[in-house]
Amino acid sequence: AAAGAGEKGCGAGEEARKRQRTERGGVAVSRGEGVPGARPYLCTGWDCFLLHEPCLMCAMALVHSRVRRVVYATPDPCAGALGSRHRLHGFRSLNHHYTVFSFDLPPARAAE
């Protein structure tokens, strides 16, 4: 009977700690679960617009951030991780994938 009481008490303590964290806004706010006005988890569903193609480290940070799409204008033939040199977003072993778009910026107009 004592072991069962100890297990039950231990679980009740964990629930109390979860409630305390939620009341302070830690767990629930970071996940956006049931808290009015809470922010989404990381950058889930967001689009990222970049002037330059990201390097491997920055592209992996975008994977960890859970962005939905990455749009960039200028390729980086030396260190580009999304098409120029590597295709990080195409690795099947990653636990998140995003869609990548690139486009060419029009050349700057010369001052008249």
N, C-alpha and C. Protein backbone atom coordinates (compact mmCIF):
# COMPACT_ATOMS: atom_id res chain seq x y z
N ALA A 1 0.83 -1.19 0.00
CA ALA A 1 0.00 0.00 0.00
C ALA A 1 0.87 1.24 0.00
N ALA A 2 2.02 1.19 0.67
CA ALA A 2 2.88 2.37 0.74
C ALA A 2 3.48 2.68 -0.62
N ALA A 3 3.83 1.63 -1.39
CA ALA A 3 4.42 1.86 -2.71
C ALA A 3 3.40 2.50 -3.64
N GLY A 4 2.17 2.05 -3.57
CA GLY A 4 1.13 2.63 -4.42
C GLY A 4 0.88 4.08 -4.08
N ALA A 5 0.89 4.40 -2.78
CA ALA A 5 0.68 5.79 -2.36
C ALA A 5 1.82 6.67 -2.84
N GLY A 6 3.05 6.11 -2.77
CA GLY A 6 4.20 6.89 -3.22
C GLY A 6 4.13 7.18 -4.71
N GLU A 7 3.72 6.19 -5.51
CA GLU A 7 3.62 6.40 -6.95
C GLU A 7 2.56 7.42 -7.27
N LYS A 8 1.41 7.32 -6.57
CA LYS A 8 0.32 8.25 -6.83
C LYS A 8 0.74 9.66 -6.46
N GLY A 9 1.41 9.81 -5.32
CA GLY A 9 1.87 11.12 -4.89
C GLY A 9 2.88 11.71 -5.85
N CYS A 10 3.72 10.85 -6.40
CA CYS A 10 4.74 11.31 -7.33
C CYS A 10 4.10 11.85 -8.60
N GLY A 11 3.11 11.16 -9.11
CA GLY A 11 2.39 11.62 -10.30
C GLY A 11 1.64 12.91 -10.04
N ALA A 12 1.05 13.03 -8.85
CA ALA A 12 0.31 14.25 -8.50
C ALA A 12 1.26 15.44 -8.44
N GLY A 13 2.47 15.22 -7.96
CA GLY A 13 3.46 16.30 -7.91
C GLY A 13 3.85 16.76 -9.30
N GLU A 14 3.97 15.83 -10.23
CA GLU A 14 4.31 16.18 -11.61
C GLU A 14 3.18 17.01 -12.23
N GLU A 15 1.95 16.61 -11.98
CA GLU A 15 0.81 17.38 -12.50
C GLU A 15 0.79 18.80 -11.94
N ALA A 16 1.10 18.93 -10.66
CA ALA A 16 1.14 20.26 -10.03
C ALA A 16 2.24 21.11 -10.66
N ARG A 17 3.41 20.51 -10.95
CA ARG A 17 4.49 21.26 -11.60
C ARG A 17 4.08 21.69 -13.00
N LYS A 18 3.38 20.83 -13.75
CA LYS A 18 2.91 21.21 -15.08
C LYS A 18 1.93 22.38 -15.00
N ARG A 19 1.03 22.33 -14.01
CA ARG A 19 0.07 23.43 -13.85
C ARG A 19 0.79 24.72 -13.52
N GLN A 20 1.81 24.66 -12.67
CA GLN A 20 2.56 25.87 -12.31
C GLN A 20 3.25 26.46 -13.53
N ARG A 21 3.88 25.62 -14.34
CA ARG A 21 4.55 26.12 -15.54
C ARG A 21 3.54 26.73 -16.49
N THR A 22 2.36 26.09 -16.62
CA THR A 22 1.34 26.60 -17.52
C THR A 22 0.81 27.94 -17.02
N GLU A 23 0.60 28.06 -15.72
CA GLU A 23 0.10 29.32 -15.16
C GLU A 23 1.10 30.45 -15.37
N ARG A 24 2.37 30.13 -15.34
CA ARG A 24 3.39 31.16 -15.58
C ARG A 24 3.56 31.45 -17.06
N GLY A 25 2.96 30.63 -17.91
CA GLY A 25 3.03 30.86 -19.34
C GLY A 25 4.14 30.13 -20.03
N GLY A 26 4.89 29.25 -19.37
CA GLY A 26 6.02 28.56 -20.00
C GLY A 26 5.61 27.55 -21.03
N VAL A 27 5.03 26.45 -20.61
CA VAL A 27 4.75 25.35 -21.52
C VAL A 27 3.60 25.69 -22.47
N ALA A 28 2.48 26.13 -21.93
CA ALA A 28 1.29 26.35 -22.76
C ALA A 28 1.51 27.46 -23.76
N VAL A 29 2.17 28.53 -23.37
CA VAL A 29 2.36 29.64 -24.29
C VAL A 29 3.32 29.27 -25.41
N SER A 30 4.38 28.52 -25.08
CA SER A 30 5.33 28.17 -26.12
C SER A 30 4.71 27.21 -27.14
N ARG A 31 3.75 26.41 -26.73
CA ARG A 31 3.09 25.50 -27.65
C ARG A 31 1.83 26.10 -28.24
N GLY A 32 1.27 27.12 -27.61
CA GLY A 32 0.06 27.74 -28.09
C GLY A 32 -1.17 26.90 -27.86
N GLU A 33 -1.17 26.04 -26.85
CA GLU A 33 -2.29 25.14 -26.60
C GLU A 33 -3.26 25.75 -25.60
N GLY A 34 -4.43 26.14 -26.07
CA GLY A 34 -5.49 26.56 -25.17
C GLY A 34 -5.26 27.87 -24.47
N VAL A 35 -4.28 28.65 -24.87
CA VAL A 35 -4.04 29.94 -24.24
C VAL A 35 -4.39 31.02 -25.25
N PRO A 36 -5.41 31.86 -24.93
CA PRO A 36 -5.79 32.91 -25.88
C PRO A 36 -4.62 33.84 -26.17
N GLY A 37 -4.43 34.15 -27.44
CA GLY A 37 -3.35 35.05 -27.84
C GLY A 37 -1.98 34.42 -27.83
N ALA A 38 -1.89 33.10 -27.67
CA ALA A 38 -0.58 32.44 -27.61
C ALA A 38 0.04 32.39 -29.00
N ARG A 39 1.34 32.43 -29.03
CA ARG A 39 2.06 32.35 -30.29
C ARG A 39 2.18 30.89 -30.72
N PRO A 40 2.34 30.63 -32.04
CA PRO A 40 2.49 29.25 -32.50
C PRO A 40 3.84 28.68 -32.09
N TYR A 41 3.93 27.36 -32.16
CA TYR A 41 5.16 26.67 -31.82
C TYR A 41 6.23 27.01 -32.84
N LEU A 42 7.30 27.62 -32.41
CA LEU A 42 8.40 28.05 -33.26
C LEU A 42 7.89 28.87 -34.44
N CYS A 43 8.24 28.51 -35.65
CA CYS A 43 7.81 29.26 -36.84
C CYS A 43 6.93 28.40 -37.74
N THR A 44 6.19 27.50 -37.17
CA THR A 44 5.36 26.57 -37.92
C THR A 44 4.41 27.34 -38.83
N GLY A 45 4.46 27.03 -40.12
CA GLY A 45 3.56 27.64 -41.08
C GLY A 45 4.01 29.00 -41.59
N TRP A 46 5.14 29.49 -41.16
CA TRP A 46 5.62 30.79 -41.61
C TRP A 46 6.45 30.65 -42.87
N ASP A 47 6.55 31.73 -43.64
CA ASP A 47 7.40 31.79 -44.83
C ASP A 47 8.60 32.66 -44.50
N CYS A 48 9.76 32.29 -45.04
CA CYS A 48 11.00 33.03 -44.80
C CYS A 48 11.49 33.60 -46.12
N PHE A 49 11.63 34.92 -46.20
CA PHE A 49 12.10 35.59 -47.40
C PHE A 49 13.52 36.10 -47.15
N LEU A 50 14.44 35.69 -48.03
CA LEU A 50 15.86 36.02 -47.87
C LEU A 50 16.40 36.67 -49.13
N LEU A 51 17.33 37.56 -48.97
CA LEU A 51 18.00 38.15 -50.12
C LEU A 51 19.01 37.17 -50.70
N HIS A 52 19.75 36.47 -49.82
CA HIS A 52 20.78 35.52 -50.25
C HIS A 52 20.39 34.10 -49.86
N GLU A 53 20.84 33.15 -50.65
CA GLU A 53 20.63 31.73 -50.33
C GLU A 53 21.37 31.40 -49.03
N PRO A 54 20.71 30.71 -48.10
CA PRO A 54 21.36 30.41 -46.82
C PRO A 54 22.44 29.35 -46.94
N CYS A 55 23.38 29.40 -46.01
CA CYS A 55 24.42 28.37 -45.92
C CYS A 55 23.82 27.14 -45.23
N LEU A 56 24.62 26.09 -45.08
CA LEU A 56 24.13 24.86 -44.45
C LEU A 56 23.64 25.09 -43.02
N MET A 57 24.39 25.86 -42.24
CA MET A 57 24.00 26.07 -40.85
C MET A 57 22.68 26.84 -40.76
N CYS A 58 22.53 27.87 -41.57
CA CYS A 58 21.29 28.66 -41.55
C CYS A 58 20.12 27.86 -42.11
N ALA A 59 20.35 27.07 -43.14
CA ALA A 59 19.29 26.24 -43.70
C ALA A 59 18.83 25.19 -42.69
N MET A 60 19.75 24.65 -41.91
CA MET A 60 19.37 23.69 -40.88
C MET A 60 18.62 24.37 -39.75
N ALA A 61 18.98 25.61 -39.43
CA ALA A 61 18.23 26.37 -38.42
C ALA A 61 16.79 26.58 -38.90
N LEU A 62 16.60 26.77 -40.19
CA LEU A 62 15.24 26.90 -40.74
C LEU A 62 14.47 25.59 -40.61
N VAL A 63 15.16 24.47 -40.77
CA VAL A 63 14.52 23.16 -40.55
C VAL A 63 14.06 23.05 -39.10
N HIS A 64 14.94 23.37 -38.18
CA HIS A 64 14.61 23.29 -36.75
C HIS A 64 13.49 24.26 -36.38
N SER A 65 13.41 25.38 -37.08
CA SER A 65 12.37 26.37 -36.80
C SER A 65 11.02 25.99 -37.39
N ARG A 66 11.00 25.00 -38.26
CA ARG A 66 9.76 24.48 -38.84
C ARG A 66 9.06 25.46 -39.79
N VAL A 67 9.84 26.24 -40.54
CA VAL A 67 9.21 27.14 -41.51
C VAL A 67 8.53 26.32 -42.60
N ARG A 68 7.57 26.93 -43.27
CA ARG A 68 6.84 26.26 -44.33
C ARG A 68 7.52 26.40 -45.68
N ARG A 69 7.96 27.65 -45.99
CA ARG A 69 8.59 27.92 -47.27
C ARG A 69 9.77 28.87 -47.09
N VAL A 70 10.77 28.72 -47.97
CA VAL A 70 11.91 29.62 -48.00
C VAL A 70 12.00 30.18 -49.41
N VAL A 71 12.06 31.50 -49.49
CA VAL A 71 12.18 32.19 -50.78
C VAL A 71 13.45 33.02 -50.73
N TYR A 72 14.33 32.84 -51.73
CA TYR A 72 15.55 33.64 -51.77
C TYR A 72 15.79 34.15 -53.18
N ALA A 73 16.57 35.25 -53.26
CA ALA A 73 16.79 35.90 -54.55
C ALA A 73 18.16 35.62 -55.15
N THR A 74 19.20 35.65 -54.34
CA THR A 74 20.55 35.55 -54.86
C THR A 74 21.16 34.20 -54.48
N PRO A 75 21.50 33.36 -55.47
CA PRO A 75 22.15 32.08 -55.16
C PRO A 75 23.57 32.30 -54.65
N ASP A 76 24.06 31.34 -53.88
CA ASP A 76 25.42 31.38 -53.36
C ASP A 76 26.15 30.14 -53.86
N PRO A 77 26.92 30.27 -54.95
CA PRO A 77 27.57 29.10 -55.53
C PRO A 77 28.64 28.48 -54.64
N CYS A 78 29.16 29.22 -53.67
CA CYS A 78 30.21 28.68 -52.79
C CYS A 78 29.64 27.91 -51.60
N ALA A 79 28.57 28.43 -50.99
CA ALA A 79 28.09 27.82 -49.75
C ALA A 79 26.58 27.66 -49.72
N GLY A 80 25.91 27.84 -50.82
CA GLY A 80 24.45 27.74 -50.85
C GLY A 80 23.95 26.35 -50.52
N ALA A 81 22.99 26.27 -49.60
CA ALA A 81 22.52 24.96 -49.13
C ALA A 81 21.16 24.57 -49.69
N LEU A 82 20.55 25.42 -50.52
CA LEU A 82 19.21 25.12 -51.01
C LEU A 82 19.14 25.03 -52.53
N GLY A 83 20.22 24.64 -53.14
CA GLY A 83 20.18 24.43 -54.58
C GLY A 83 21.47 24.72 -55.31
N SER A 84 22.22 25.73 -54.90
CA SER A 84 23.45 26.08 -55.61
C SER A 84 24.55 25.05 -55.40
N ARG A 85 24.80 24.70 -54.17
CA ARG A 85 25.86 23.72 -53.86
C ARG A 85 25.30 22.46 -53.22
N HIS A 86 24.34 22.62 -52.32
CA HIS A 86 23.71 21.50 -51.62
C HIS A 86 22.20 21.61 -51.77
N ARG A 87 21.49 20.54 -51.44
CA ARG A 87 20.02 20.54 -51.44
C ARG A 87 19.54 19.97 -50.10
N LEU A 88 19.79 20.73 -49.04
CA LEU A 88 19.46 20.27 -47.70
C LEU A 88 17.99 19.93 -47.55
N HIS A 89 17.13 20.71 -48.14
CA HIS A 89 15.68 20.49 -48.00
C HIS A 89 15.22 19.20 -48.66
N GLY A 90 16.08 18.55 -49.43
CA GLY A 90 15.72 17.32 -50.10
C GLY A 90 16.13 16.05 -49.37
N PHE A 91 16.86 16.17 -48.25
CA PHE A 91 17.29 14.99 -47.52
C PHE A 91 16.09 14.32 -46.85
N ARG A 92 15.86 13.07 -47.19
CA ARG A 92 14.71 12.34 -46.63
C ARG A 92 14.87 12.04 -45.15
N SER A 93 16.08 12.02 -44.67
CA SER A 93 16.31 11.67 -43.27
C SER A 93 15.92 12.79 -42.29
N LEU A 94 15.69 13.99 -42.79
CA LEU A 94 15.30 15.09 -41.91
C LEU A 94 13.87 14.91 -41.45
N ASN A 95 13.57 15.39 -40.24
CA ASN A 95 12.23 15.22 -39.70
C ASN A 95 11.27 16.35 -40.10
N HIS A 96 11.74 17.34 -40.84
CA HIS A 96 10.88 18.41 -41.35
C HIS A 96 11.42 18.85 -42.70
N HIS A 97 10.53 19.21 -43.58
CA HIS A 97 10.92 19.68 -44.91
C HIS A 97 10.17 20.96 -45.22
N TYR A 98 10.79 21.83 -45.99
CA TYR A 98 10.12 23.04 -46.44
C TYR A 98 10.30 23.16 -47.94
N THR A 99 9.44 23.94 -48.54
CA THR A 99 9.49 24.19 -49.98
C THR A 99 10.41 25.37 -50.23
N VAL A 100 11.21 25.30 -51.28
CA VAL A 100 12.17 26.35 -51.59
C VAL A 100 11.84 26.98 -52.94
N PHE A 101 11.85 28.29 -52.97
CA PHE A 101 11.66 29.05 -54.21
C PHE A 101 12.81 30.03 -54.35
N SER A 102 13.26 30.22 -55.58
CA SER A 102 14.28 31.24 -55.83
C SER A 102 13.86 32.02 -57.07
N PHE A 103 14.33 33.23 -57.14
CA PHE A 103 14.00 34.09 -58.29
C PHE A 103 15.17 35.04 -58.52
N ASP A 104 15.22 35.62 -59.70
CA ASP A 104 16.26 36.57 -60.03
C ASP A 104 15.74 37.98 -59.83
N LEU A 105 16.55 38.78 -59.15
CA LEU A 105 16.21 40.19 -58.99
C LEU A 105 16.55 40.93 -60.28
N PRO A 106 15.74 41.87 -60.66
CA PRO A 106 16.10 42.66 -61.85
C PRO A 106 17.36 43.46 -61.58
N PRO A 107 18.20 43.69 -62.59
CA PRO A 107 19.43 44.44 -62.36
C PRO A 107 19.09 45.86 -61.91
N ALA A 108 19.97 46.39 -61.07
CA ALA A 108 19.75 47.75 -60.57
C ALA A 108 19.86 48.74 -61.72
N ARG A 109 18.98 49.69 -61.70
CA ARG A 109 18.99 50.71 -62.76
C ARG A 109 20.08 51.71 -62.48
N ALA A 110 20.80 52.04 -63.51
CA ALA A 110 21.89 53.04 -63.38
C ALA A 110 21.27 54.41 -63.14
N ALA A 111 21.94 55.18 -62.32
CA ALA A 111 21.45 56.54 -62.04
C ALA A 111 21.49 57.36 -63.32
N GLU A 112 20.39 58.02 -63.60
CA GLU A 112 20.31 58.79 -64.86
C GLU A 112 20.76 60.20 -64.68
